[in-house]
Structures are given as structure tokens and as C-alpha cells.
């Protein structure tokens, strides 16, 4: 699935991605597979999973 970083809190290590369907998806920096330089508006591809807390992204890949 593709999306953009909508919010990212570097001091806390997490943020939210926005998809074409306008869903907000939680991600943690430890799930980013190719770096730690991420900011609002960054294009990413990820695997969507359902957790007990809601939708979450795994295997997040940054596209430059």
C-alpha cells in the first residue's frame, strides 16, 4: 500500500500515514526499513496490519 507521512513526532518515534482513501495509519520508526530520515510529506510504501489498537503500518519503505 502507498501513502504519505501526515504527522511524525521524531522525539517519540512514531507518526501517522495517510493513504489515498484518507485513512490515518499508525507507524513506528522501528518499522521503517530503509533509514530514519522521515518527515511530513515523505512518500512511503508499507504493509497494512490490523492490531488490537487499530490499523498499523509494517515494513515501511521510504521513496525519495
PDB file of N, CA and C in Angstrom:
ATOM      1  N   UNK A   1       0.853  -1.169   0.000  1.00  0.00           N
ATOM      2  CA  UNK A   1       0.000   0.000   0.000  1.00  0.00           C
ATOM      3  C   UNK A   1       0.901   1.236   0.000  1.00  0.00           C
ATOM      4  N   UNK A   2       0.459   2.301  -0.656  1.00  0.00           N
ATOM      5  CA  UNK A   2       1.240   3.535  -0.711  1.00  0.00           C
ATOM      6  C   UNK A   2       0.563   4.632   0.091  1.00  0.00           C
ATOM      7  N   UNK A   3       1.377   5.575   0.569  1.00  0.00           N
ATOM      8  CA  UNK A   3       0.842   6.691   1.329  1.00  0.00           C
ATOM      9  C   UNK A   3       1.879   7.767   1.547  1.00  0.00           C
ATOM     10  N   UNK A   4       1.494   8.773   2.309  1.00  0.00           N
ATOM     11  CA  UNK A   4       2.365   9.885   2.677  1.00  0.00           C
ATOM     12  C   UNK A   4       2.405  10.023   4.189  1.00  0.00           C
ATOM     13  N   UNK A   5       3.524  10.506   4.699  1.00  0.00           N
ATOM     14  CA  UNK A   5       3.617  10.794   6.127  1.00  0.00           C
ATOM     15  C   UNK A   5       2.785  12.047   6.394  1.00  0.00           C
ATOM     16  N   UNK A   6       1.755  11.911   7.217  1.00  0.00           N
ATOM     17  CA  UNK A   6       0.897  13.049   7.561  1.00  0.00           C
ATOM     18  C   UNK A   6       1.432  13.773   8.790  1.00  0.00           C
ATOM     19  N   UNK A   7       1.851  13.007   9.787  1.00  0.00           N
ATOM     20  CA  UNK A   7       2.432  13.545  11.021  1.00  0.00           C
ATOM     21  C   UNK A   7       3.572  12.642  11.456  1.00  0.00           C
ATOM     22  N   UNK A   8       4.620  13.250  12.000  1.00  0.00           N
ATOM     23  CA  UNK A   8       5.704  12.454  12.574  1.00  0.00           C
ATOM     24  C   UNK A   8       6.276  13.194  13.769  1.00  0.00           C
ATOM     25  N   UNK A   9       6.408  12.490  14.873  1.00  0.00           N
ATOM     26  CA  UNK A   9       6.959  13.037  16.109  1.00  0.00           C
ATOM     27  C   UNK A   9       8.319  12.385  16.359  1.00  0.00           C
ATOM     28  N   UNK A  10       9.410  13.002  15.875  1.00  0.00           N
ATOM     29  CA  UNK A  10      10.727  12.355  15.982  1.00  0.00           C
ATOM     30  C   UNK A  10      11.169  12.092  17.417  1.00  0.00           C
ATOM     31  N   UNK A  11      10.782  12.947  18.338  1.00  0.00           N
ATOM     32  CA  UNK A  11      11.183  12.754  19.733  1.00  0.00           C
ATOM     33  C   UNK A  11      10.495  11.548  20.361  1.00  0.00           C
ATOM     34  N   UNK A  12       9.371  11.123  19.774  1.00  0.00           N
ATOM     35  CA  UNK A  12       8.642   9.969  20.297  1.00  0.00           C
ATOM     36  C   UNK A  12       8.768   8.746  19.399  1.00  0.00           C
ATOM     37  N   UNK A  13       9.226   8.961  18.151  1.00  0.00           N
ATOM     38  CA  UNK A  13       9.490   7.839  17.251  1.00  0.00           C
ATOM     39  C   UNK A  13       8.276   7.254  16.558  1.00  0.00           C
ATOM     40  N   UNK A  14       7.180   8.010  16.489  1.00  0.00           N
ATOM     41  CA  UNK A  14       6.014   7.486  15.785  1.00  0.00           C
ATOM     42  C   UNK A  14       5.300   8.600  15.040  1.00  0.00           C
ATOM     43  N   UNK A  15       4.370   8.186  14.193  1.00  0.00           N
ATOM     44  CA  UNK A  15       3.581   9.152  13.443  1.00  0.00           C
ATOM     45  C   UNK A  15       2.409   8.468  12.762  1.00  0.00           C
ATOM     46  N   UNK A  16       1.844   9.174  11.784  1.00  0.00           N
ATOM     47  CA  UNK A  16       0.684   8.657  11.066  1.00  0.00           C
ATOM     48  C   UNK A  16       0.870   8.849   9.572  1.00  0.00           C
ATOM     49  N   UNK A  17       0.449   7.843   8.824  1.00  0.00           N
ATOM     50  CA  UNK A  17       0.482   7.877   7.377  1.00  0.00           C
ATOM     51  C   UNK A  17      -0.922   8.128   6.867  1.00  0.00           C
ATOM     52  N   UNK A  18      -1.010   8.757   5.703  1.00  0.00           N
ATOM     53  CA  UNK A  18      -2.301   8.981   5.063  1.00  0.00           C
ATOM     54  C   UNK A  18      -2.303   8.242   3.731  1.00  0.00           C
ATOM     55  N   UNK A  19      -3.364   7.499   3.470  1.00  0.00           N
ATOM     56  CA  UNK A  19      -3.489   6.753   2.220  1.00  0.00           C
ATOM     57  C   UNK A  19      -4.403   7.506   1.265  1.00  0.00           C
ATOM     58  N   UNK A  20      -4.524   6.989   0.044  1.00  0.00           N
ATOM     59  CA  UNK A  20      -5.428   7.583  -0.939  1.00  0.00           C
ATOM     60  C   UNK A  20      -6.871   7.569  -0.441  1.00  0.00           C
ATOM     61  N   UNK A  21      -7.197   6.617   0.410  1.00  0.00           N
ATOM     62  CA  UNK A  21      -8.542   6.522   0.975  1.00  0.00           C
ATOM     63  C   UNK A  21      -8.716   7.431   2.190  1.00  0.00           C
ATOM     64  N   UNK A  22      -7.716   8.258   2.472  1.00  0.00           N
ATOM     65  CA  UNK A  22      -7.718   9.217   3.584  1.00  0.00           C
ATOM     66  C   UNK A  22      -7.753   8.566   4.956  1.00  0.00           C
ATOM     67  N   UNK A  23      -7.330   7.316   5.047  1.00  0.00           N
ATOM     68  CA  UNK A  23      -7.260   6.654   6.357  1.00  0.00           C
ATOM     69  C   UNK A  23      -5.957   7.043   7.042  1.00  0.00           C
ATOM     70  N   UNK A  24      -6.005   7.262   8.356  1.00  0.00           N
ATOM     71  CA  UNK A  24      -4.799   7.500   9.140  1.00  0.00           C
ATOM     72  C   UNK A  24      -4.288   6.178   9.665  1.00  0.00           C
ATOM     73  N   UNK A  25      -3.008   5.924   9.430  1.00  0.00           N
ATOM     74  CA  UNK A  25      -2.414   4.653   9.816  1.00  0.00           C
ATOM     75  C   UNK A  25      -1.188   4.921  10.677  1.00  0.00           C
ATOM     76  N   UNK A  26      -1.173   4.351  11.857  1.00  0.00           N
ATOM     77  CA  UNK A  26      -0.068   4.499  12.793  1.00  0.00           C
ATOM     78  C   UNK A  26       1.181   3.815  12.254  1.00  0.00           C
ATOM     79  N   UNK A  27       2.364   4.419  12.487  1.00  0.00           N
ATOM     80  CA  UNK A  27       3.625   3.730  12.220  1.00  0.00           C
ATOM     81  C   UNK A  27       4.641   4.114  13.284  1.00  0.00           C
ATOM     82  N   UNK A  28       5.586   3.227  13.505  1.00  0.00           N
ATOM     83  CA  UNK A  28       6.695   3.474  14.426  1.00  0.00           C
ATOM     84  C   UNK A  28       7.972   3.465  13.614  1.00  0.00           C
ATOM     85  N   UNK A  29       8.923   4.294  13.987  1.00  0.00           N
ATOM     86  CA  UNK A  29      10.178   4.420  13.234  1.00  0.00           C
ATOM     87  C   UNK A  29      10.913   3.085  13.142  1.00  0.00           C
ATOM     88  N   UNK A  30      10.713   2.196  14.085  1.00  0.00           N
ATOM     89  CA  UNK A  30      11.374   0.890  14.026  1.00  0.00           C
ATOM     90  C   UNK A  30      10.832   0.030  12.883  1.00  0.00           C
ATOM     91  N   UNK A  31       9.678   0.393  12.313  1.00  0.00           N
ATOM     92  CA  UNK A  31       9.111  -0.332  11.178  1.00  0.00           C
ATOM     93  C   UNK A  31       9.582   0.222   9.831  1.00  0.00           C
ATOM     94  N   UNK A  32      10.351   1.314   9.841  1.00  0.00           N
ATOM     95  CA  UNK A  32      10.901   1.872   8.605  1.00  0.00           C
ATOM     96  C   UNK A  32      12.146   1.071   8.262  1.00  0.00           C
ATOM     97  N   UNK A  33      12.156   0.460   7.071  1.00  0.00           N
ATOM     98  CA  UNK A  33      13.212  -0.488   6.726  1.00  0.00           C
ATOM     99  C   UNK A  33      14.439   0.130   6.077  1.00  0.00           C
ATOM    100  N   UNK A  34      14.340   1.347   5.566  1.00  0.00           N
ATOM    101  CA  UNK A  34      15.474   1.894   4.825  1.00  0.00           C
ATOM    102  C   UNK A  34      15.864   3.297   5.276  1.00  0.00           C
ATOM    103  N   UNK A  35      16.025   3.488   6.549  1.00  0.00           N
ATOM    104  CA  UNK A  35      16.516   4.767   7.051  1.00  0.00           C
ATOM    105  C   UNK A  35      15.664   5.323   8.168  1.00  0.00           C
ATOM    106  N   UNK A  36      16.113   6.452   8.686  1.00  0.00           N
ATOM    107  CA  UNK A  36      15.385   7.105   9.764  1.00  0.00           C
ATOM    108  C   UNK A  36      15.091   8.562   9.429  1.00  0.00           C
ATOM    109  N   UNK A  37      15.479   9.011   8.239  1.00  0.00           N
ATOM    110  CA  UNK A  37      15.194  10.382   7.813  1.00  0.00           C
ATOM    111  C   UNK A  37      13.800  10.422   7.217  1.00  0.00           C
ATOM    112  N   UNK A  38      12.838  10.780   8.026  1.00  0.00           N
ATOM    113  CA  UNK A  38      11.448  10.804   7.590  1.00  0.00           C
ATOM    114  C   UNK A  38      10.803  12.075   8.120  1.00  0.00           C
ATOM    115  N   UNK A  39       9.963  12.686   7.315  1.00  0.00           N
ATOM    116  CA  UNK A  39       9.307  13.920   7.717  1.00  0.00           C
ATOM    117  C   UNK A  39       7.954  14.021   7.025  1.00  0.00           C
ATOM    118  N   UNK A  40       7.170  14.996   7.415  1.00  0.00           N
ATOM    119  CA  UNK A  40       5.851  15.203   6.838  1.00  0.00           C
ATOM    120  C   UNK A  40       5.969  15.314   5.320  1.00  0.00           C
ATOM    121  N   UNK A  41       5.085  14.599   4.608  1.00  0.00           N
ATOM    122  CA  UNK A  41       5.080  14.640   3.155  1.00  0.00           C
ATOM    123  C   UNK A  41       5.925  13.579   2.480  1.00  0.00           C
ATOM    124  N   UNK A  42       6.687  12.796   3.239  1.00  0.00           N
ATOM    125  CA  UNK A  42       7.521  11.731   2.674  1.00  0.00           C
ATOM    126  C   UNK A  42       6.633  10.638   2.088  1.00  0.00           C
ATOM    127  N   UNK A  43       6.942  10.213   0.855  1.00  0.00           N
ATOM    128  CA  UNK A  43       6.204   9.115   0.213  1.00  0.00           C
ATOM    129  C   UNK A  43       6.731   7.785   0.727  1.00  0.00           C
ATOM    130  N   UNK A  44       5.815   6.879   1.048  1.00  0.00           N
ATOM    131  CA  UNK A  44       6.194   5.571   1.571  1.00  0.00           C
ATOM    132  C   UNK A  44       5.313   4.479   0.977  1.00  0.00           C
ATOM    133  N   UNK A  45       5.808   3.269   1.067  1.00  0.00           N
ATOM    134  CA  UNK A  45       5.028   2.070   0.760  1.00  0.00           C
ATOM    135  C   UNK A  45       5.120   1.187   1.990  1.00  0.00           C
ATOM    136  N   UNK A  46       4.045   0.467   2.312  1.00  0.00           N
ATOM    137  CA  UNK A  46       4.020  -0.287   3.559  1.00  0.00           C
ATOM    138  C   UNK A  46       3.016  -1.425   3.483  1.00  0.00           C
ATOM    139  N   UNK A  47       3.115  -2.302   4.464  1.00  0.00           N
ATOM    140  CA  UNK A  47       2.148  -3.381   4.643  1.00  0.00           C
ATOM    141  C   UNK A  47       1.195  -2.964   5.758  1.00  0.00           C
ATOM    142  N   UNK A  48      -0.093  -3.061   5.488  1.00  0.00           N
ATOM    143  CA  UNK A  48      -1.114  -2.676   6.449  1.00  0.00           C
ATOM    144  C   UNK A  48      -1.515  -3.883   7.292  1.00  0.00           C
ATOM    145  N   UNK A  49      -1.532  -3.684   8.610  1.00  0.00           N
ATOM    146  CA  UNK A  49      -1.953  -4.752   9.520  1.00  0.00           C
ATOM    147  C   UNK A  49      -2.989  -4.208  10.499  1.00  0.00           C
ATOM    148  N   UNK A  50      -3.851  -5.088  10.947  1.00  0.00           N
ATOM    149  CA  UNK A  50      -4.853  -4.740  11.964  1.00  0.00           C
ATOM    150  C   UNK A  50      -4.315  -5.210  13.310  1.00  0.00           C
ATOM    151  N   UNK A  51      -4.244  -4.291  14.266  1.00  0.00           N
ATOM    152  CA  UNK A  51      -3.803  -4.635  15.618  1.00  0.00           C
ATOM    153  C   UNK A  51      -4.966  -4.402  16.574  1.00  0.00           C
ATOM    154  N   UNK A  52      -4.780  -4.759  17.828  1.00  0.00           N
ATOM    155  CA  UNK A  52      -5.855  -4.535  18.799  1.00  0.00           C
ATOM    156  C   UNK A  52      -6.110  -3.047  19.042  1.00  0.00           C
ATOM    157  N   UNK A  53      -5.144  -2.192  18.654  1.00  0.00           N
ATOM    158  CA  UNK A  53      -5.313  -0.746  18.794  1.00  0.00           C
ATOM    159  C   UNK A  53      -5.779  -0.079  17.503  1.00  0.00           C
ATOM    160  N   UNK A  54      -5.892  -0.834  16.414  1.00  0.00           N
ATOM    161  CA  UNK A  54      -6.333  -0.264  15.141  1.00  0.00           C
ATOM    162  C   UNK A  54      -5.364  -0.577  14.021  1.00  0.00           C
ATOM    163  N   UNK A  55      -5.467   0.175  12.924  1.00  0.00           N
ATOM    164  CA  UNK A  55      -4.605  -0.048  11.770  1.00  0.00           C
ATOM    165  C   UNK A  55      -3.189   0.423  12.055  1.00  0.00           C
ATOM    166  N   UNK A  56      -2.222  -0.347  11.564  1.00  0.00           N
ATOM    167  CA  UNK A  56      -0.818  -0.033  11.767  1.00  0.00           C
ATOM    168  C   UNK A  56      -0.030  -0.413  10.521  1.00  0.00           C
ATOM    169  N   UNK A  57       1.087   0.283  10.296  1.00  0.00           N
ATOM    170  CA  UNK A  57       1.938   0.008   9.153  1.00  0.00           C
ATOM    171  C   UNK A  57       3.163  -0.788   9.584  1.00  0.00           C
ATOM    172  N   UNK A  58       3.524  -1.774   8.782  1.00  0.00           N
ATOM    173  CA  UNK A  58       4.756  -2.537   8.976  1.00  0.00           C
ATOM    174  C   UNK A  58       5.548  -2.494   7.684  1.00  0.00           C
ATOM    175  N   UNK A  59       6.846  -2.781   7.770  1.00  0.00           N
ATOM    176  CA  UNK A  59       7.713  -2.825   6.589  1.00  0.00           C
ATOM    177  C   UNK A  59       7.576  -1.551   5.752  1.00  0.00           C
ATOM    178  N   UNK A  60       7.743  -0.421   6.408  1.00  0.00           N
ATOM    179  CA  UNK A  60       7.609   0.887   5.747  1.00  0.00           C
ATOM    180  C   UNK A  60       8.875   1.175   4.946  1.00  0.00           C
ATOM    181  N   UNK A  61       8.704   1.482   3.657  1.00  0.00           N
ATOM    182  CA  UNK A  61       9.823   1.782   2.759  1.00  0.00           C
ATOM    183  C   UNK A  61       9.673   3.220   2.276  1.00  0.00           C
ATOM    184  N   UNK A  62      10.732   4.025   2.446  1.00  0.00           N
ATOM    185  CA  UNK A  62      10.721   5.428   2.035  1.00  0.00           C
ATOM    186  C   UNK A  62      11.061   5.520   0.547  1.00  0.00           C
ATOM    187  N   UNK A  63      10.276   6.318  -0.183  1.00  0.00           N
ATOM    188  CA  UNK A  63      10.567   6.619  -1.594  1.00  0.00           C
ATOM    189  C   UNK A  63      11.022   8.059  -1.687  1.00  0.00           C
ATOM    190  N   UNK A  64      12.133   8.304  -2.344  1.00  0.00           N
ATOM    191  CA  UNK A  64      12.659   9.675  -2.488  1.00  0.00           C
ATOM    192  C   UNK A  64      12.054  10.367  -3.663  1.00  0.00           C
TER     193      UNK A  64
END
